[in-house]
Amino acid sequence: MSVSLNSQSNSSFTKENFKFNGFDILDINFLNTSYGTNFGLVKKMFQAFLDSNISEVPKLKKSIEDLDYKTIKFVAHKIKNNFYYVGLGSVSKLLAELEKKAVLESEDVLPLFQKFIGQYELTMEVIEKEKDRLSKYLSK
């Protein structure tokens, strides 16, 4: 799924194989601009992303179930940048919208959260696989 790690283009990320379920998962331009060839930093960012979201997303889910708008706002605000910094700007924007709806105490948080969860599960899988690929590449 992928960072290009072949000998022809190991200096940047490529767009090949990043399409999944009809939308681009990772913003390749963002990754190129932000990290260039620093794959070690990307791997660290991916790991931090995984670690943080494993603990925070269940809090968000619980706050949605309880319609606890204050906690929804807090958690959505807290994690939206996690998505942005690993090239998942579209998911970050979705969390920003969720945060705004929580401020307004709108029940529109429910469908937004469902949309987020659908994308979250896909992104976690992709980030985990890419982190593992980077680990193998960096250990050579």
N, C-alpha and C. Protein backbone atom coordinates (compact mmCIF):
# COMPACT_ATOMS: atom_id res chain seq x y z
N MET A 1 0.85 -1.18 0.00
CA MET A 1 0.00 0.00 0.00
C MET A 1 0.86 1.20 0.00
N SER A 2 1.29 2.19 -0.08
CA SER A 2 2.48 2.63 -0.21
C SER A 2 3.45 3.66 -0.47
N VAL A 3 4.39 3.54 0.33
CA VAL A 3 5.54 4.40 0.15
C VAL A 3 6.36 3.69 -0.90
N SER A 4 6.88 4.43 -1.84
CA SER A 4 7.69 3.80 -2.86
C SER A 4 9.05 3.52 -2.27
N LEU A 5 9.38 2.27 -2.21
CA LEU A 5 10.66 1.90 -1.62
C LEU A 5 11.53 1.17 -2.63
N ASN A 6 11.19 1.27 -3.89
CA ASN A 6 12.00 0.59 -4.89
C ASN A 6 13.20 1.44 -5.28
N SER A 7 14.14 0.86 -5.94
CA SER A 7 15.38 1.56 -6.25
C SER A 7 15.19 2.71 -7.23
N GLN A 8 14.13 2.70 -8.02
CA GLN A 8 13.94 3.77 -8.97
C GLN A 8 13.45 5.06 -8.32
N SER A 9 12.68 4.96 -7.26
CA SER A 9 12.13 6.18 -6.69
C SER A 9 12.05 6.14 -5.18
N ASN A 10 13.14 5.81 -4.52
CA ASN A 10 13.10 5.72 -3.07
C ASN A 10 13.23 7.08 -2.40
N SER A 11 13.21 8.14 -3.18
CA SER A 11 13.36 9.45 -2.59
C SER A 11 12.05 10.16 -2.30
N SER A 12 10.94 9.53 -2.63
CA SER A 12 9.66 10.18 -2.32
C SER A 12 8.55 9.17 -2.27
N PHE A 13 7.41 9.63 -1.79
CA PHE A 13 6.23 8.80 -1.75
C PHE A 13 5.61 8.77 -3.13
N THR A 14 4.94 7.72 -3.45
CA THR A 14 4.24 7.65 -4.74
C THR A 14 2.76 7.48 -4.49
N LYS A 15 1.98 7.81 -5.48
CA LYS A 15 0.54 7.70 -5.35
C LYS A 15 0.04 6.30 -5.66
N GLU A 16 0.85 5.47 -6.26
CA GLU A 16 0.38 4.13 -6.63
C GLU A 16 -0.10 3.37 -5.40
N ASN A 17 -1.18 2.66 -5.56
CA ASN A 17 -1.75 1.80 -4.53
C ASN A 17 -2.32 2.52 -3.31
N PHE A 18 -2.48 3.83 -3.37
CA PHE A 18 -3.06 4.53 -2.23
C PHE A 18 -4.56 4.76 -2.38
N LYS A 19 -5.14 4.28 -3.44
CA LYS A 19 -6.59 4.41 -3.58
C LYS A 19 -7.23 3.25 -2.85
N PHE A 20 -8.23 3.54 -2.09
CA PHE A 20 -8.91 2.50 -1.32
C PHE A 20 -10.35 2.92 -1.15
N ASN A 21 -11.27 2.08 -1.52
CA ASN A 21 -12.69 2.36 -1.36
C ASN A 21 -13.14 3.67 -1.99
N GLY A 22 -12.55 4.06 -3.09
CA GLY A 22 -13.02 5.22 -3.82
C GLY A 22 -12.51 6.56 -3.35
N PHE A 23 -11.65 6.61 -2.34
CA PHE A 23 -11.07 7.90 -1.98
C PHE A 23 -9.59 7.72 -1.71
N ASP A 24 -8.83 8.79 -1.90
CA ASP A 24 -7.40 8.73 -1.62
C ASP A 24 -7.23 8.73 -0.11
N ILE A 25 -6.53 7.76 0.39
CA ILE A 25 -6.35 7.68 1.84
C ILE A 25 -5.28 8.67 2.30
N LEU A 26 -4.13 8.61 1.70
CA LEU A 26 -3.04 9.48 2.15
C LEU A 26 -2.79 10.59 1.14
N ASP A 27 -2.51 11.75 1.65
CA ASP A 27 -2.18 12.90 0.80
C ASP A 27 -0.68 12.83 0.51
N ILE A 28 -0.36 12.29 -0.64
CA ILE A 28 1.04 12.05 -1.01
C ILE A 28 1.81 13.37 -1.13
N ASN A 29 1.17 14.40 -1.66
CA ASN A 29 1.84 15.71 -1.76
C ASN A 29 2.22 16.24 -0.38
N PHE A 30 1.32 16.08 0.58
CA PHE A 30 1.63 16.51 1.95
C PHE A 30 2.83 15.74 2.50
N LEU A 31 2.84 14.42 2.32
CA LEU A 31 3.95 13.61 2.83
C LEU A 31 5.27 14.01 2.17
N ASN A 32 5.25 14.23 0.86
CA ASN A 32 6.47 14.65 0.15
C ASN A 32 6.96 16.00 0.66
N THR A 33 6.06 16.95 0.77
CA THR A 33 6.43 18.30 1.19
C THR A 33 6.90 18.32 2.64
N SER A 34 6.22 17.59 3.49
CA SER A 34 6.53 17.63 4.92
C SER A 34 7.74 16.80 5.32
N TYR A 35 7.92 15.64 4.71
CA TYR A 35 8.92 14.70 5.19
C TYR A 35 9.99 14.34 4.17
N GLY A 36 9.75 14.62 2.90
CA GLY A 36 10.75 14.27 1.89
C GLY A 36 11.15 12.82 1.98
N THR A 37 12.43 12.57 2.15
CA THR A 37 12.93 11.20 2.23
C THR A 37 13.19 10.74 3.66
N ASN A 38 12.72 11.50 4.64
CA ASN A 38 12.95 11.14 6.03
C ASN A 38 11.96 10.06 6.47
N PHE A 39 12.17 8.84 5.98
CA PHE A 39 11.27 7.74 6.26
C PHE A 39 11.27 7.36 7.74
N GLY A 40 12.38 7.58 8.42
CA GLY A 40 12.43 7.30 9.86
C GLY A 40 11.46 8.18 10.62
N LEU A 41 11.39 9.45 10.26
CA LEU A 41 10.44 10.35 10.90
C LEU A 41 9.00 9.96 10.56
N VAL A 42 8.76 9.59 9.32
CA VAL A 42 7.41 9.17 8.94
C VAL A 42 7.00 7.95 9.76
N LYS A 43 7.90 7.01 9.92
CA LYS A 43 7.59 5.81 10.72
C LYS A 43 7.24 6.22 12.15
N LYS A 44 8.00 7.14 12.74
CA LYS A 44 7.70 7.61 14.10
C LYS A 44 6.34 8.30 14.16
N MET A 45 6.04 9.11 13.15
CA MET A 45 4.74 9.80 13.10
C MET A 45 3.61 8.78 12.99
N PHE A 46 3.80 7.77 12.15
CA PHE A 46 2.78 6.74 12.01
C PHE A 46 2.56 6.00 13.33
N GLN A 47 3.64 5.67 14.03
CA GLN A 47 3.52 4.96 15.31
C GLN A 47 2.82 5.82 16.35
N ALA A 48 3.18 7.09 16.43
CA ALA A 48 2.52 8.00 17.37
C ALA A 48 1.03 8.12 17.06
N PHE A 49 0.71 8.18 15.77
CA PHE A 49 -0.67 8.24 15.33
C PHE A 49 -1.44 7.01 15.83
N LEU A 50 -0.88 5.84 15.61
CA LEU A 50 -1.54 4.60 16.02
C LEU A 50 -1.72 4.55 17.54
N ASP A 51 -0.67 4.87 18.28
CA ASP A 51 -0.72 4.83 19.74
C ASP A 51 -1.77 5.78 20.30
N SER A 52 -1.79 6.99 19.79
CA SER A 52 -2.72 8.00 20.30
C SER A 52 -4.17 7.64 20.00
N ASN A 53 -4.43 7.21 18.79
CA ASN A 53 -5.81 6.96 18.41
C ASN A 53 -6.40 5.72 19.05
N ILE A 54 -5.57 4.76 19.39
CA ILE A 54 -6.07 3.56 20.06
C ILE A 54 -6.72 3.92 21.39
N SER A 55 -6.19 4.93 22.07
CA SER A 55 -6.78 5.31 23.35
C SER A 55 -7.85 6.39 23.22
N GLU A 56 -7.74 7.26 22.22
CA GLU A 56 -8.66 8.40 22.13
C GLU A 56 -9.96 8.10 21.40
N VAL A 57 -9.93 7.28 20.38
CA VAL A 57 -11.16 7.02 19.60
C VAL A 57 -12.23 6.33 20.45
N PRO A 58 -11.89 5.38 21.34
CA PRO A 58 -12.94 4.84 22.21
C PRO A 58 -13.58 5.91 23.10
N LYS A 59 -12.81 6.90 23.53
CA LYS A 59 -13.38 8.01 24.31
C LYS A 59 -14.37 8.80 23.47
N LEU A 60 -14.01 9.01 22.21
CA LEU A 60 -14.91 9.72 21.31
C LEU A 60 -16.19 8.92 21.09
N LYS A 61 -16.05 7.62 20.89
CA LYS A 61 -17.22 6.76 20.69
C LYS A 61 -18.15 6.82 21.90
N LYS A 62 -17.59 6.73 23.08
CA LYS A 62 -18.39 6.78 24.32
C LYS A 62 -19.09 8.12 24.44
N SER A 63 -18.40 9.21 24.13
CA SER A 63 -19.02 10.53 24.23
C SER A 63 -20.14 10.70 23.21
N ILE A 64 -20.01 10.08 22.05
CA ILE A 64 -21.07 10.11 21.04
C ILE A 64 -22.29 9.34 21.56
N GLU A 65 -22.04 8.16 22.11
CA GLU A 65 -23.14 7.34 22.65
C GLU A 65 -23.91 8.10 23.73
N ASP A 66 -23.18 8.86 24.54
CA ASP A 66 -23.78 9.61 25.65
C ASP A 66 -24.26 11.00 25.22
N LEU A 67 -24.00 11.38 23.97
CA LEU A 67 -24.23 12.74 23.49
C LEU A 67 -23.63 13.77 24.46
N ASP A 68 -22.40 13.47 24.87
CA ASP A 68 -21.64 14.36 25.74
C ASP A 68 -20.87 15.33 24.84
N TYR A 69 -21.53 16.42 24.50
CA TYR A 69 -20.99 17.35 23.50
C TYR A 69 -19.65 17.96 23.93
N LYS A 70 -19.49 18.20 25.22
CA LYS A 70 -18.23 18.78 25.69
C LYS A 70 -17.06 17.83 25.42
N THR A 71 -17.25 16.55 25.70
CA THR A 71 -16.19 15.57 25.48
C THR A 71 -15.99 15.32 23.99
N ILE A 72 -17.08 15.30 23.22
CA ILE A 72 -16.96 15.14 21.77
C ILE A 72 -16.06 16.24 21.22
N LYS A 73 -16.36 17.47 21.60
CA LYS A 73 -15.57 18.62 21.14
C LYS A 73 -14.11 18.47 21.55
N PHE A 74 -13.88 18.12 22.81
CA PHE A 74 -12.52 18.00 23.33
C PHE A 74 -11.72 16.94 22.59
N VAL A 75 -12.29 15.75 22.44
CA VAL A 75 -11.55 14.64 21.82
C VAL A 75 -11.36 14.89 20.32
N ALA A 76 -12.41 15.35 19.65
CA ALA A 76 -12.29 15.63 18.20
C ALA A 76 -11.19 16.67 17.98
N HIS A 77 -11.17 17.69 18.81
CA HIS A 77 -10.14 18.73 18.69
C HIS A 77 -8.75 18.13 18.94
N LYS A 78 -8.66 17.29 19.94
CA LYS A 78 -7.37 16.70 20.33
C LYS A 78 -6.78 15.81 19.23
N ILE A 79 -7.63 15.03 18.55
CA ILE A 79 -7.09 14.05 17.60
C ILE A 79 -7.05 14.52 16.15
N LYS A 80 -7.73 15.62 15.83
CA LYS A 80 -7.79 16.01 14.42
C LYS A 80 -6.41 16.29 13.83
N ASN A 81 -5.50 16.86 14.60
CA ASN A 81 -4.16 17.12 14.08
C ASN A 81 -3.35 15.84 13.89
N ASN A 82 -3.66 14.80 14.68
CA ASN A 82 -2.99 13.51 14.48
C ASN A 82 -3.19 13.03 13.05
N PHE A 83 -4.39 13.19 12.56
CA PHE A 83 -4.72 12.75 11.20
C PHE A 83 -4.03 13.65 10.18
N TYR A 84 -4.03 14.92 10.43
CA TYR A 84 -3.43 15.86 9.50
C TYR A 84 -1.94 15.56 9.29
N TYR A 85 -1.22 15.34 10.37
CA TYR A 85 0.24 15.19 10.29
C TYR A 85 0.72 13.87 9.70
N VAL A 86 -0.20 12.93 9.46
CA VAL A 86 0.19 11.70 8.75
C VAL A 86 -0.41 11.66 7.36
N GLY A 87 -0.82 12.81 6.85
CA GLY A 87 -1.32 12.88 5.49
C GLY A 87 -2.78 12.50 5.33
N LEU A 88 -3.54 12.60 6.40
CA LEU A 88 -4.96 12.27 6.37
C LEU A 88 -5.81 13.52 6.59
N GLY A 89 -5.54 14.52 5.79
CA GLY A 89 -6.22 15.81 5.92
C GLY A 89 -7.72 15.72 5.77
N SER A 90 -8.21 14.83 4.92
CA SER A 90 -9.66 14.72 4.73
C SER A 90 -10.34 14.23 6.01
N VAL A 91 -9.70 13.34 6.72
CA VAL A 91 -10.26 12.85 7.99
C VAL A 91 -10.14 13.94 9.06
N SER A 92 -9.05 14.69 9.02
CA SER A 92 -8.87 15.80 9.94
C SER A 92 -9.99 16.83 9.76
N LYS A 93 -10.36 17.10 8.50
CA LYS A 93 -11.45 18.05 8.22
C LYS A 93 -12.78 17.51 8.75
N LEU A 94 -12.98 16.22 8.63
CA LEU A 94 -14.19 15.60 9.15
C LEU A 94 -14.27 15.77 10.68
N LEU A 95 -13.14 15.60 11.35
CA LEU A 95 -13.10 15.79 12.80
C LEU A 95 -13.33 17.25 13.18
N ALA A 96 -12.83 18.17 12.37
CA ALA A 96 -13.07 19.59 12.61
C ALA A 96 -14.57 19.89 12.51
N GLU A 97 -15.23 19.28 11.54
CA GLU A 97 -16.67 19.46 11.39
C GLU A 97 -17.41 18.85 12.57
N LEU A 98 -16.97 17.69 13.03
CA LEU A 98 -17.56 17.05 14.20
C LEU A 98 -17.41 17.95 15.42
N GLU A 99 -16.25 18.54 15.57
CA GLU A 99 -15.99 19.46 16.68
C GLU A 99 -16.96 20.65 16.63
N LYS A 100 -17.15 21.22 15.43
CA LYS A 100 -18.06 22.36 15.28
C LYS A 100 -19.50 21.97 15.64
N LYS A 101 -19.92 20.80 15.20
CA LYS A 101 -21.28 20.34 15.51
C LYS A 101 -21.44 20.11 17.00
N ALA A 102 -20.40 19.66 17.67
CA ALA A 102 -20.46 19.46 19.12
C ALA A 102 -20.59 20.79 19.84
N VAL A 103 -19.89 21.81 19.37
CA VAL A 103 -20.01 23.14 19.96
C VAL A 103 -21.45 23.62 19.87
N LEU A 104 -22.10 23.33 18.74
CA LEU A 104 -23.50 23.73 18.53
C LEU A 104 -24.49 22.78 19.20
N GLU A 105 -23.97 21.72 19.81
CA GLU A 105 -24.78 20.67 20.43
C GLU A 105 -25.82 20.12 19.45
N SER A 106 -25.35 19.86 18.25
CA SER A 106 -26.20 19.35 17.17
C SER A 106 -26.14 17.83 17.12
N GLU A 107 -27.29 17.22 16.93
CA GLU A 107 -27.32 15.77 16.78
C GLU A 107 -26.71 15.32 15.46
N ASP A 108 -26.31 16.27 14.63
CA ASP A 108 -25.58 15.93 13.41
C ASP A 108 -24.25 15.27 13.72
N VAL A 109 -23.86 15.25 14.98
CA VAL A 109 -22.62 14.56 15.36
C VAL A 109 -22.73 13.06 15.06
N LEU A 110 -23.94 12.52 15.14
CA LEU A 110 -24.10 11.07 14.95
C LEU A 110 -23.71 10.61 13.55
N PRO A 111 -24.29 11.19 12.47
CA PRO A 111 -23.87 10.75 11.14
C PRO A 111 -22.42 11.10 10.82
N LEU A 112 -21.94 12.22 11.34
CA LEU A 112 -20.53 12.57 11.12
C LEU A 112 -19.61 11.55 11.78
N PHE A 113 -19.98 11.12 12.97
CA PHE A 113 -19.17 10.13 13.66
C PHE A 113 -19.17 8.81 12.88
N GLN A 114 -20.32 8.41 12.36
CA GLN A 114 -20.39 7.18 11.57
C GLN A 114 -19.48 7.27 10.34
N LYS A 115 -19.50 8.40 9.69
CA LYS A 115 -18.62 8.61 8.53
C LYS A 115 -17.15 8.55 8.97
N PHE A 116 -16.84 9.18 10.10
CA PHE A 116 -15.48 9.15 10.64
C PHE A 116 -15.05 7.71 10.93
N ILE A 117 -15.89 6.94 11.60
CA ILE A 117 -15.53 5.56 11.97
C ILE A 117 -15.24 4.72 10.74
N GLY A 118 -16.04 4.89 9.69
CA GLY A 118 -15.78 4.15 8.46
C GLY A 118 -14.41 4.47 7.89
N GLN A 119 -14.04 5.72 7.88
CA GLN A 119 -12.74 6.12 7.37
C GLN A 119 -11.62 5.77 8.35
N TYR A 120 -11.90 5.87 9.63
CA TYR A 120 -10.91 5.58 10.66
C TYR A 120 -10.41 4.14 10.56
N GLU A 121 -11.32 3.22 10.42
CA GLU A 121 -10.92 1.82 10.34
C GLU A 121 -10.01 1.56 9.14
N LEU A 122 -10.34 2.18 8.02
CA LEU A 122 -9.51 2.03 6.83
C LEU A 122 -8.14 2.68 7.04
N THR A 123 -8.12 3.86 7.59
CA THR A 123 -6.86 4.58 7.75
C THR A 123 -5.94 3.90 8.76
N MET A 124 -6.51 3.35 9.82
CA MET A 124 -5.67 2.65 10.80
C MET A 124 -4.98 1.46 10.14
N GLU A 125 -5.71 0.74 9.32
CA GLU A 125 -5.14 -0.42 8.62
C GLU A 125 -4.01 0.01 7.69
N VAL A 126 -4.25 1.06 6.92
CA VAL A 126 -3.23 1.54 5.97
C VAL A 126 -2.00 2.05 6.71
N ILE A 127 -2.20 2.84 7.75
CA ILE A 127 -1.06 3.39 8.50
C ILE A 127 -0.26 2.26 9.14
N GLU A 128 -0.93 1.27 9.70
CA GLU A 128 -0.22 0.14 10.31
C GLU A 128 0.62 -0.60 9.27
N LYS A 129 0.03 -0.87 8.10
CA LYS A 129 0.77 -1.57 7.04
C LYS A 129 1.95 -0.73 6.55
N GLU A 130 1.74 0.55 6.38
CA GLU A 130 2.83 1.41 5.91
C GLU A 130 3.95 1.52 6.94
N LYS A 131 3.58 1.59 8.21
CA LYS A 131 4.59 1.62 9.27
C LYS A 131 5.42 0.35 9.24
N ASP A 132 4.75 -0.78 9.07
CA ASP A 132 5.47 -2.06 9.00
C ASP A 132 6.39 -2.11 7.78
N ARG A 133 5.91 -1.63 6.62
CA ARG A 133 6.75 -1.59 5.42
C ARG A 133 7.96 -0.70 5.64
N LEU A 134 7.74 0.44 6.28
CA LEU A 134 8.86 1.35 6.55
C LEU A 134 9.86 0.70 7.50
N SER A 135 9.37 -0.01 8.50
CA SER A 135 10.27 -0.69 9.44
C SER A 135 11.15 -1.69 8.72
N LYS A 136 10.55 -2.47 7.84
CA LYS A 136 11.34 -3.45 7.06
C LYS A 136 12.35 -2.75 6.17
N TYR A 137 11.93 -1.71 5.51
CA TYR A 137 12.82 -0.96 4.62
C TYR A 137 13.98 -0.35 5.40
N LEU A 138 13.69 0.25 6.54
CA LEU A 138 14.72 0.93 7.31
C LEU A 138 15.68 -0.05 7.98
N SER A 139 15.26 -1.31 8.18
CA SER A 139 16.14 -2.28 8.83
C SER A 139 17.12 -2.94 7.86
N LYS A 140 16.98 -2.62 6.56
CA LYS A 140 17.89 -3.22 5.57
C LYS A 140 19.25 -2.57 5.61
